[in-house]
Structure formats: structure tokens, C-alpha cells
């Protein structure tokens, strides 16, 4: 890492613990899979993925100053490794892949939630999403009904995906050392979830307008006459947004939009 200047604005914390890198790659059999890695950094995880004999590996890196490190890996794996330098938030993955992929990444803390929410809108291209995120973010993703962490993002992810926390990673395993704990999670898209993302997101934004108010009162805040809507009374009248399961939110959306 001699000579490389870490960029705080990019949330750069590089994982170099070989056992943890191997553990991440062992979550799913990567042999003959098409893999996407976001934010490879100097390529520690990239090397481990390539050791698993994937069909091909595409990495997307925002920091062009990391090009020498990644190009040195590509020289040894030119038949499998492709590098794109750009902002993952601005790249349309659907245009790149014409097959289902496995995404693996140690995501920058500052954009992790935004990236994952974006991917929810194109789940048809993913077999699995294996990512390391801030532990607090992981806890929100897997949060249960009525818990403090349960919110709009919890519901969105749990409606469209099965999500499991695999293990936690302490700050000591990174350089530079972050101030927070990290967690590795796997997100697997569900099949046959027939609801439009924009519709469910609209319902959730209305519902979670104020966590301490009932769903009915939150809808009234937006001048929606709940008496004219075919909702179940138990959802509208007595429950606050954090008291409603993803399954009931799905039902609510279908009642609203068909």
C-alpha cells in the first residue's frame, strides 16, 4: 500500500484478513458463475474470487488511482477479469449482463444502502448478493416487526428477498481501521413476487411518514380519504407502521393498486 493515499470521501477501508476473505467466497459456490464485484480496491477479494474459478469476473471501481493494482491482477487473469472504472451508482447493470450473476462486494459505508435499494429494482439479474456493510445497516435490513430498527428499508428488502446475516467483522481487520463494526449478509431474490417496486415504495413512504402515528393518520396527512379505500380495518385503525409485517404491506399495496 506504499504510496497510495486513502480517500475518506470514498469510504475506503480495505479488508486484508485472508481468512475472512476466504469465508466470504465460501458463502456460495462460485465455480463457473458470472461474478460482479463492486469497489475491489487493491484487489484482495478479487484474487480470492478468481481462485474459486468463476466463469468471468467484472469489477467496478470508482478510484482510478487503483488502476495499477487491478491491472497487475488482470495480467494474470486476462481471460476472466474485466475492469470498469466508474461510479457504480451511475452504471446500469442490466445493460452489462444478459445472464444471472452473483454480486460480491465490500461496500463503502456511505453508499451501501443506496446501492442495495437500487439493485432491488433490477433483481431479475441476480442469483445472490453477498455484501459487507456497516453492522447497523445489516441490522436494519434483517429487523423484525416491532423492533427499533424495523423501517421502510427493512420491509422493502424483506418483501423482495430472503436475507441472512452470515457473520460480523471487527474494525481490526481493515486498513485504515473504521470506527464501526461490519457484517456480511447474503440477499437472495424471491421468486414470483408480483408487485411493482414503485407501488410498494410509495405505500411505505406514506406509511412511515411518522412512526408514532397510525397508518390511517399518516395517510390522512397526505389527504387520502381512508374511508374510500378497501383496507382491512386492523391495518388502518390501530397499527403503527413498525407494527405491520412485510406480508401485510404487500397485501396493502395490492388492495390499493390491484
Protein backbone atom coordinates (compact mmCIF):
# COMPACT_ATOMS: atom_id res chain seq x y z
CA UNK A 1 0.00 0.00 0.00
CA UNK A 2 3.09 2.18 -0.12
CA UNK A 3 2.41 5.47 -1.89
CA UNK A 4 -1.37 5.04 -2.04
CA UNK A 5 -3.44 7.79 -0.42
CA UNK A 6 -6.70 6.60 1.11
CA UNK A 7 -9.69 8.77 0.27
CA UNK A 8 -12.06 9.33 3.16
CA UNK A 9 -14.74 10.75 0.86
CA UNK A 10 -14.92 7.36 -0.91
CA UNK A 11 -15.28 5.45 2.36
CA UNK A 12 -12.16 3.39 1.64
CA UNK A 13 -11.44 0.69 4.23
CA UNK A 14 -9.61 -2.25 2.70
CA UNK A 15 -10.13 -5.75 4.08
CA UNK A 16 -6.93 -7.81 4.12
CA UNK A 17 -7.67 -10.66 6.54
CA UNK A 18 -7.21 -13.72 4.32
CA UNK A 19 -9.41 -15.97 6.46
CA UNK A 20 -12.33 -13.54 6.25
CA UNK A 21 -11.83 -13.06 2.52
CA UNK A 22 -11.98 -16.82 2.08
CA UNK A 23 -15.04 -17.03 4.32
CA UNK A 24 -16.86 -14.51 2.12
CA UNK A 25 -16.05 -16.50 -1.02
CA UNK A 26 -17.22 -19.71 0.64
CA UNK A 27 -20.76 -18.46 1.27
CA UNK A 28 -21.73 -19.64 -2.21
CA UNK A 29 -20.13 -21.96 -4.74
CA UNK A 30 -18.58 -19.53 -7.24
CA UNK A 31 -17.23 -22.13 -9.65
CA UNK A 32 -18.36 -21.32 -13.22
CA UNK A 33 -20.51 -18.39 -12.02
CA UNK A 34 -20.53 -14.92 -13.56
CA UNK A 35 -19.44 -12.57 -10.78
CA UNK A 36 -19.67 -8.82 -10.27
CA UNK A 37 -17.54 -7.13 -7.61
CA UNK A 38 -18.20 -3.52 -6.60
CA UNK A 39 -15.33 -1.49 -5.15
CA UNK A 40 -12.46 -4.01 -5.40
CA UNK A 41 -9.90 -1.55 -4.04
CA UNK A 42 -6.46 -3.12 -4.38
CA UNK A 43 -7.95 -6.47 -5.28
CA UNK A 44 -7.65 -8.60 -2.14
CA UNK A 45 -11.16 -10.01 -2.54
CA UNK A 46 -10.77 -10.05 -6.33
CA UNK A 47 -7.87 -12.51 -6.04
CA UNK A 48 -9.87 -14.80 -3.75
CA UNK A 49 -12.83 -14.79 -6.12
CA UNK A 50 -10.57 -15.72 -9.04
CA UNK A 51 -9.18 -18.63 -7.02
CA UNK A 52 -12.75 -20.02 -6.99
CA UNK A 53 -12.66 -20.44 -10.79
CA UNK A 54 -15.60 -18.24 -11.83
CA UNK A 55 -16.79 -18.19 -15.43
CA UNK A 56 -15.93 -14.49 -15.51
CA UNK A 57 -15.44 -11.59 -13.11
CA UNK A 58 -16.31 -7.95 -13.72
CA UNK A 59 -15.12 -5.37 -11.18
CA UNK A 60 -16.33 -1.78 -10.96
CA UNK A 61 -14.00 0.67 -9.20
CA UNK A 62 -14.55 4.41 -8.78
CA UNK A 63 -10.97 5.34 -7.82
CA UNK A 64 -8.83 5.47 -10.96
CA UNK A 65 -5.65 5.69 -8.84
CA UNK A 66 -6.15 1.99 -8.03
CA UNK A 67 -5.69 1.03 -11.68
CA UNK A 68 -2.09 -0.23 -11.30
CA UNK A 69 -3.09 -2.69 -8.57
CA UNK A 70 -6.05 -4.07 -10.52
CA UNK A 71 -4.22 -4.19 -13.85
CA UNK A 72 -1.47 -6.29 -12.27
CA UNK A 73 -4.15 -8.86 -11.35
CA UNK A 74 -5.69 -8.69 -14.81
CA UNK A 75 -2.35 -9.58 -16.43
CA UNK A 76 -2.57 -12.99 -14.76
CA UNK A 77 -6.30 -13.46 -15.46
CA UNK A 78 -6.90 -11.64 -18.74
CA UNK A 79 -9.30 -14.35 -19.92
CA UNK A 80 -11.67 -13.89 -16.96
CA UNK A 81 -11.21 -10.45 -15.41
CA UNK A 82 -12.69 -7.24 -16.79
CA UNK A 83 -12.30 -3.85 -15.09
CA UNK A 84 -14.63 -0.86 -15.37
CA UNK A 85 -13.64 2.44 -13.77
CA UNK A 86 -16.75 4.40 -12.87
CA UNK A 87 -19.42 5.13 -10.28
CA UNK A 88 -21.50 2.00 -9.55
CA UNK A 89 -24.47 4.26 -8.74
CA UNK A 90 -24.48 5.51 -12.33
CA UNK A 91 -23.93 2.20 -14.14
CA UNK A 92 -26.93 0.26 -15.45
CA UNK A 93 -26.14 -3.38 -14.70
CA UNK A 94 -28.99 -4.58 -16.88
CA UNK A 95 -27.16 -3.18 -19.92
CA UNK A 96 -23.98 -5.06 -18.99
CA UNK A 97 -25.26 -8.53 -18.16
CA UNK A 98 -27.50 -10.82 -20.20
CA UNK A 99 -27.36 -13.61 -17.62
CA UNK A 100 -27.92 -14.03 -13.90
CA UNK A 101 -24.94 -13.05 -11.76
CA UNK A 102 -23.59 -13.30 -8.23
CA UNK A 103 -22.63 -9.92 -6.78
CA UNK A 104 -19.91 -9.80 -4.12
CA UNK A 105 -18.66 -6.60 -2.52
CA UNK A 106 -17.16 -4.91 0.48
CA UNK A 107 -19.36 -1.84 0.05
CA UNK A 108 -18.33 1.69 1.07
CA UNK A 109 -20.41 2.59 4.12
CA UNK A 110 -21.57 5.90 2.65
CA UNK A 111 -23.34 4.39 -0.38
CA UNK A 112 -24.19 0.82 0.70
CA UNK A 113 -27.91 1.37 1.38
CA UNK A 114 -28.41 3.40 -1.79
CA UNK A 115 -26.73 0.76 -3.95
CA UNK A 116 -28.74 -2.09 -2.46
CA UNK A 117 -32.04 -0.22 -2.84
CA UNK A 118 -31.13 0.44 -6.49
CA UNK A 119 -30.44 -3.27 -7.04
CA UNK A 120 -33.87 -4.17 -5.67
CA UNK A 121 -35.33 -2.59 -8.78
CA UNK A 122 -33.43 -4.99 -11.06
CA UNK A 123 -33.46 -8.22 -9.09
CA UNK A 124 -34.03 -10.33 -12.18
CA UNK A 125 -30.28 -10.24 -12.95
CA UNK A 126 -29.13 -11.56 -9.57
CA UNK A 127 -28.76 -15.09 -8.24
CA UNK A 128 -27.29 -13.81 -5.00
CA UNK A 129 -25.96 -10.57 -3.49
CA UNK A 130 -23.19 -11.08 -0.93
CA UNK A 131 -22.06 -7.83 0.63
CA UNK A 132 -20.25 -6.46 3.63
CA UNK A 133 -21.96 -3.42 5.12
CA UNK A 134 -21.93 -1.47 8.35
CA UNK A 135 -23.38 -3.68 11.11
CA UNK A 136 -26.06 -1.09 11.89
CA UNK A 137 -27.22 -1.20 8.27
CA UNK A 138 -27.34 -5.00 8.31
CA UNK A 139 -29.46 -4.91 11.47
CA UNK A 140 -31.96 -2.62 9.72
CA UNK A 141 -32.16 -4.95 6.74
CA UNK A 142 -32.96 -8.04 8.85
CA UNK A 143 -35.01 -6.23 11.52
CA UNK A 144 -38.20 -7.89 12.75
CA UNK A 145 -41.62 -6.27 13.16
CA UNK A 146 -41.90 -4.02 16.23
CA UNK A 147 -38.14 -3.71 16.69
CA UNK A 148 -36.42 -0.35 16.91
CA UNK A 149 -34.51 -0.93 13.65
CA UNK A 150 -37.57 -2.03 11.63
CA UNK A 151 -38.49 0.51 8.98
CA UNK A 152 -39.16 1.19 5.30
CA UNK A 153 -35.88 -0.34 4.11
CA UNK A 154 -36.48 -3.48 6.22
CA UNK A 155 -39.85 -4.01 4.57
CA UNK A 156 -38.61 -3.29 1.04
CA UNK A 157 -35.82 -5.83 1.22
CA UNK A 158 -37.84 -8.49 3.02
CA UNK A 159 -40.72 -8.28 0.53
CA UNK A 160 -38.48 -8.93 -2.45
CA UNK A 161 -35.69 -11.03 -0.92
CA UNK A 162 -34.63 -13.55 1.66
CA UNK A 163 -31.82 -12.00 3.68
CA UNK A 164 -29.45 -13.55 6.20
CA UNK A 165 -26.60 -12.16 8.24
CA UNK A 166 -23.64 -14.52 7.87
CA UNK A 167 -21.09 -13.09 10.30
CA UNK A 168 -19.71 -9.90 11.84
CA UNK A 169 -16.29 -8.40 11.14
CA UNK A 170 -14.42 -6.23 13.65
CA UNK A 171 -12.66 -2.96 12.68
CA UNK A 172 -9.24 -4.55 13.34
CA UNK A 173 -9.49 -6.45 10.05
CA UNK A 174 -9.42 -3.31 7.89
CA UNK A 175 -6.91 -0.66 6.92
CA UNK A 176 -7.48 2.10 7.67
CA UNK A 177 -9.49 0.89 10.65
CA UNK A 178 -13.16 2.05 10.57
CA UNK A 179 -14.93 3.26 13.70
CA UNK A 180 -17.79 0.79 13.36
CA UNK A 181 -18.43 -2.97 13.18
CA UNK A 182 -19.24 -4.57 9.84
CA UNK A 183 -21.45 -7.50 8.86
CA UNK A 184 -21.51 -9.81 5.85
CA UNK A 185 -25.02 -10.52 4.56
CA UNK A 186 -26.46 -12.56 1.73
CA UNK A 187 -29.52 -11.33 -0.15
CA UNK A 188 -31.34 -13.84 -2.37
CA UNK A 189 -34.18 -12.58 -4.60
CA UNK A 190 -37.53 -14.29 -4.05
CA UNK A 191 -39.41 -15.77 -6.96
CA UNK A 192 -42.95 -14.92 -8.00
CA UNK A 193 -43.26 -11.65 -6.06
CA UNK A 194 -45.72 -9.90 -8.32
CA UNK A 195 -45.79 -6.33 -7.07
CA UNK A 196 -44.35 -3.22 -8.67
CA UNK A 197 -41.39 -1.77 -6.75
CA UNK A 198 -42.57 1.83 -7.19
CA UNK A 199 -46.03 1.00 -5.87
CA UNK A 200 -44.81 -0.74 -2.71
CA UNK A 201 -42.26 2.02 -2.13
CA UNK A 202 -44.99 4.66 -2.39
CA UNK A 203 -47.12 2.84 0.19
CA UNK A 204 -44.14 2.51 2.54
CA UNK A 205 -43.16 6.17 2.27
CA UNK A 206 -46.72 7.14 3.18
CA UNK A 207 -46.94 4.57 5.97
CA UNK A 208 -43.64 5.52 7.62
CA UNK A 209 -44.30 9.26 7.37
CA UNK A 210 -44.50 9.36 11.18
CA UNK A 211 -43.58 6.22 13.11
CA UNK A 212 -45.62 7.16 16.18
CA UNK A 213 -48.86 7.71 14.27
CA UNK A 214 -51.21 5.05 12.96
CA UNK A 215 -51.27 4.15 9.29
CA UNK A 216 -54.65 5.86 8.99
CA UNK A 217 -53.31 9.15 10.34
CA UNK A 218 -50.26 9.03 8.09
CA UNK A 219 -52.47 8.55 5.05
CA UNK A 220 -54.70 11.43 6.15
CA UNK A 221 -51.62 13.67 6.31
CA UNK A 222 -51.43 13.27 2.53
CA UNK A 223 -55.17 13.97 2.15
CA UNK A 224 -56.05 10.37 1.31
CA UNK A 225 -59.61 9.56 2.36
CA UNK A 226 -59.12 6.19 4.05
CA UNK A 227 -62.87 5.57 4.21
CA UNK A 228 -62.92 5.12 0.45
CA UNK A 229 -60.03 2.69 0.41
CA UNK A 230 -60.62 -1.08 0.64
CA UNK A 231 -58.20 -1.71 3.51
CA UNK A 232 -58.51 -4.10 6.39
CA UNK A 233 -59.57 -2.16 9.47
CA UNK A 234 -56.99 -3.89 11.64
CA UNK A 235 -54.22 -2.44 9.48
CA UNK A 236 -55.55 1.08 9.27
CA UNK A 237 -57.22 1.83 12.57
CA UNK A 238 -54.93 0.60 15.28
CA UNK A 239 -51.47 -0.17 13.96
CA UNK A 240 -48.40 2.00 13.59
CA UNK A 241 -46.06 1.42 10.62
CA UNK A 242 -43.47 -0.53 12.60
CA UNK A 243 -46.18 -2.95 13.80
CA UNK A 244 -47.04 -4.23 10.32
CA UNK A 245 -45.31 -7.21 8.70
CA UNK A 246 -43.91 -7.19 5.15
CA UNK A 247 -46.69 -9.62 4.18
CA UNK A 248 -49.37 -7.16 5.30
CA UNK A 249 -47.65 -4.31 3.46
CA UNK A 250 -47.73 -6.46 0.35
CA UNK A 251 -51.45 -7.06 0.89
CA UNK A 252 -51.99 -3.35 1.48
CA UNK A 253 -50.28 -2.45 -1.78
CA UNK A 254 -52.28 -4.98 -3.77
CA UNK A 255 -55.52 -3.64 -2.28
CA UNK A 256 -54.50 -0.12 -3.28
CA UNK A 257 -53.17 -0.76 -6.77
CA UNK A 258 -54.53 -4.18 -7.70
